[in-house]
Amino acid sequence: MKKVEVIVTNEKEGLAKITSYPYRPDKKRYEVPLYKVHVKNVETKHIHEFKAIRFGVKRTKAKEAHVVGLQDEQEHVLQWNYITTMREMAWRVYSGFFIHRDSANPLVGFGSIGCVEICGVGEWNRFNTLIKQITECSREEEVGSKELAKVIYKKATRPKLKLIP
């Protein structure tokens, strides 16, 4: 078994349009940067690149919209778990933070609350397939149970809240 690192960089790579979550009055949309995410084979040092939403917009009925997401440098072992908001499996970073799929087109994305969301047509499947290939595991659950995948967040500054008119 081999280890893999998922590196959430602070390198911006385009833009995404999202709604706030969990409260989405009038489906207002916000603009957030896309960031480069690298999947690195620890043994060979080979890196594969993806684009992802890193920061989301949280809004509740009691609190106005504000940008959320992990901005400090940190590392966590990934686990393959059910994410209730998506009603499917995803990589749990810790608590309510996940790495999961986004819509195929980040310009028509859905609500985001600070998880890392892998963007692009077929990219979520490519991301997971790559992790399994590198670790030589047949299932994501096996990667998680053997603690073969680690996520590394590079320090980043939360972007300013930008409502799209």
Protein backbone atom coordinates (compact mmCIF):
# COMPACT_ATOMS: atom_id res chain seq x y z
CA MET A 1 0.00 0.00 0.00
CA LYS A 2 1.20 3.48 -0.88
CA LYS A 3 0.31 6.84 0.59
CA VAL A 4 -1.30 9.78 -1.16
CA GLU A 5 -1.48 13.46 -0.25
CA VAL A 6 -4.24 15.82 -1.30
CA ILE A 7 -2.82 19.35 -1.22
CA VAL A 8 -5.35 22.18 -1.12
CA THR A 9 -3.27 25.09 -2.36
CA ASN A 10 -3.67 28.84 -2.07
CA GLU A 11 -3.16 29.20 -5.84
CA LYS A 12 -6.22 30.66 -7.55
CA GLU A 13 -7.29 29.13 -10.84
CA GLY A 14 -10.46 30.79 -12.11
CA LEU A 15 -13.83 31.61 -10.58
CA ALA A 16 -16.94 29.81 -9.40
CA LYS A 17 -20.48 31.01 -8.76
CA ILE A 18 -22.28 29.60 -5.74
CA THR A 19 -25.31 30.20 -3.58
CA SER A 20 -25.16 30.56 0.20
CA TYR A 21 -25.91 27.59 2.43
CA PRO A 22 -28.07 26.53 4.22
CA TYR A 23 -30.32 29.55 3.69
CA ARG A 24 -30.60 30.69 0.06
CA PRO A 25 -32.98 33.64 -0.17
CA ASP A 26 -33.90 34.40 -3.77
CA LYS A 27 -31.07 32.07 -4.84
CA LYS A 28 -28.62 34.98 -4.65
CA ARG A 29 -25.29 34.02 -6.15
CA TYR A 30 -21.77 34.83 -5.03
CA GLU A 31 -18.43 34.68 -6.78
CA VAL A 32 -15.55 32.77 -5.16
CA PRO A 33 -12.15 31.75 -6.52
CA LEU A 34 -11.32 28.27 -7.69
CA TYR A 35 -8.09 26.89 -6.24
CA LYS A 36 -5.62 24.30 -7.47
CA VAL A 37 -5.76 21.00 -5.63
CA HIS A 38 -2.92 18.52 -6.12
CA VAL A 39 -3.09 14.78 -5.66
CA LYS A 40 0.45 13.64 -4.93
CA ASN A 41 1.90 10.15 -4.97
CA VAL A 42 4.12 10.30 -1.85
CA GLU A 43 6.48 7.64 -3.20
CA THR A 44 7.08 8.97 -6.73
CA LYS A 45 6.32 12.65 -5.97
CA HIS A 46 4.16 12.75 -9.14
CA ILE A 47 1.38 15.36 -8.92
CA HIS A 48 -2.02 15.49 -10.64
CA GLU A 49 -3.92 18.77 -10.66
CA PHE A 50 -7.60 19.56 -10.08
CA LYS A 51 -9.67 22.71 -9.58
CA ALA A 52 -11.86 23.15 -6.54
CA ILE A 53 -13.97 25.56 -4.57
CA ARG A 54 -12.25 26.10 -1.22
CA PHE A 55 -14.40 28.77 0.44
CA GLY A 56 -18.17 28.99 0.61
CA VAL A 57 -20.81 31.43 1.79
CA LYS A 58 -22.76 30.60 4.93
CA ARG A 59 -26.07 32.28 5.63
CA THR A 60 -28.79 31.48 8.10
CA LYS A 61 -32.07 33.20 8.81
CA ALA A 62 -30.42 34.75 11.87
CA LYS A 63 -27.03 35.67 10.37
CA GLU A 64 -26.13 37.50 7.16
CA ALA A 65 -24.01 35.91 4.43
CA HIS A 66 -20.30 35.56 5.20
CA VAL A 67 -17.38 33.65 3.69
CA VAL A 68 -16.43 30.40 5.46
CA GLY A 69 -13.88 27.64 4.97
CA LEU A 70 -10.56 26.39 6.29
CA GLN A 71 -7.89 29.05 5.82
CA ASP A 72 -5.13 27.96 8.22
CA GLU A 73 -2.33 25.57 7.32
CA GLN A 74 -3.27 22.13 8.62
CA GLU A 75 -3.18 18.40 7.92
CA HIS A 76 -5.75 15.65 8.47
CA VAL A 77 -6.09 11.97 7.63
CA LEU A 78 -9.02 11.46 5.26
CA GLN A 79 -11.87 9.07 5.94
CA TRP A 80 -14.53 7.93 3.45
CA ASN A 81 -17.91 8.84 5.00
CA TYR A 82 -21.49 9.66 4.19
CA ILE A 83 -22.17 13.40 3.82
CA THR A 84 -25.77 14.15 4.68
CA THR A 85 -26.00 17.43 2.76
CA MET A 86 -24.98 15.69 -0.47
CA ARG A 87 -26.67 12.36 0.35
CA GLU A 88 -23.63 10.45 -0.86
CA MET A 89 -20.12 9.43 0.13
CA ALA A 90 -17.21 11.87 0.34
CA TRP A 91 -13.83 12.35 2.02
CA ARG A 92 -14.27 13.60 5.59
CA VAL A 93 -11.53 16.02 6.63
CA TYR A 94 -12.96 16.37 10.15
CA SER A 95 -16.31 17.19 11.71
CA GLY A 96 -18.50 18.82 9.02
CA PHE A 97 -15.64 19.56 6.58
CA PHE A 98 -15.39 17.31 3.53
CA ILE A 99 -13.83 16.98 0.11
CA HIS A 100 -16.67 16.19 -2.28
CA ARG A 101 -17.94 16.71 -5.79
CA ASP A 102 -19.28 19.99 -7.09
CA SER A 103 -21.47 20.51 -10.10
CA ALA A 104 -19.83 19.74 -13.42
CA ASN A 105 -19.72 23.46 -14.22
CA PRO A 106 -18.48 25.70 -11.39
CA LEU A 107 -20.19 28.69 -12.98
CA VAL A 108 -23.59 27.17 -12.20
CA GLY A 109 -22.65 25.53 -8.89
CA PHE A 110 -24.81 24.86 -5.91
CA GLY A 111 -24.67 25.99 -2.28
CA SER A 112 -21.27 25.86 -0.68
CA ILE A 113 -20.37 26.15 2.99
CA GLY A 114 -16.60 25.75 3.06
CA CYS A 115 -15.93 22.19 1.96
CA VAL A 116 -13.41 21.55 -0.81
CA GLU A 117 -15.52 20.84 -3.89
CA ILE A 118 -13.82 19.19 -6.87
CA CYS A 119 -15.08 20.87 -10.06
CA GLY A 120 -15.38 19.83 -13.68
CA VAL A 121 -17.02 17.19 -15.84
CA GLY A 122 -15.87 13.76 -14.66
CA GLU A 123 -13.32 15.23 -12.26
CA TRP A 124 -14.78 13.77 -9.05
CA ASN A 125 -14.53 10.28 -10.54
CA ARG A 126 -11.00 10.98 -11.81
CA PHE A 127 -10.02 12.29 -8.34
CA ASN A 128 -11.26 9.15 -6.57
CA THR A 129 -9.89 6.76 -9.20
CA LEU A 130 -6.48 8.39 -8.90
CA ILE A 131 -6.47 8.05 -5.10
CA LYS A 132 -7.34 4.35 -5.41
CA GLN A 133 -4.69 3.79 -8.10
CA ILE A 134 -1.93 5.50 -6.11
CA THR A 135 -2.76 3.65 -2.88
CA GLU A 136 -3.33 0.37 -4.71
CA CYS A 137 -6.73 0.02 -3.04
CA SER A 138 -9.87 -1.19 -4.76
CA ARG A 139 -12.29 0.95 -2.71
CA GLU A 140 -12.28 4.36 -1.07
CA GLU A 141 -13.31 2.76 2.24
CA GLU A 142 -10.09 0.75 2.20
CA VAL A 143 -8.01 3.91 1.66
CA GLY A 144 -9.69 5.51 4.66
CA SER A 145 -9.53 2.50 6.99
CA LYS A 146 -5.81 2.04 6.29
CA GLU A 147 -5.19 5.81 6.71
CA LEU A 148 -3.39 6.08 3.37
CA ALA A 149 -4.74 9.50 2.35
CA LYS A 150 -3.86 12.78 3.99
CA VAL A 151 -5.07 16.28 3.14
CA ILE A 152 -2.75 19.25 3.52
CA TYR A 153 -4.25 22.73 3.51
CA LYS A 154 -1.90 25.55 2.58
CA LYS A 155 -2.55 28.83 4.38
CA ALA A 156 -4.90 31.07 2.41
CA THR A 157 -6.83 34.26 3.00
CA ARG A 158 -10.60 34.01 2.81
CA PRO A 159 -11.82 36.03 -0.16
CA LYS A 160 -14.12 39.01 0.37
CA LEU A 161 -17.83 38.38 0.03
CA LYS A 162 -18.78 39.21 -3.55
CA LEU A 163 -22.45 39.19 -4.48
CA ILE A 164 -23.12 38.79 -8.20
CA PRO A 165 -25.63 41.43 -9.35
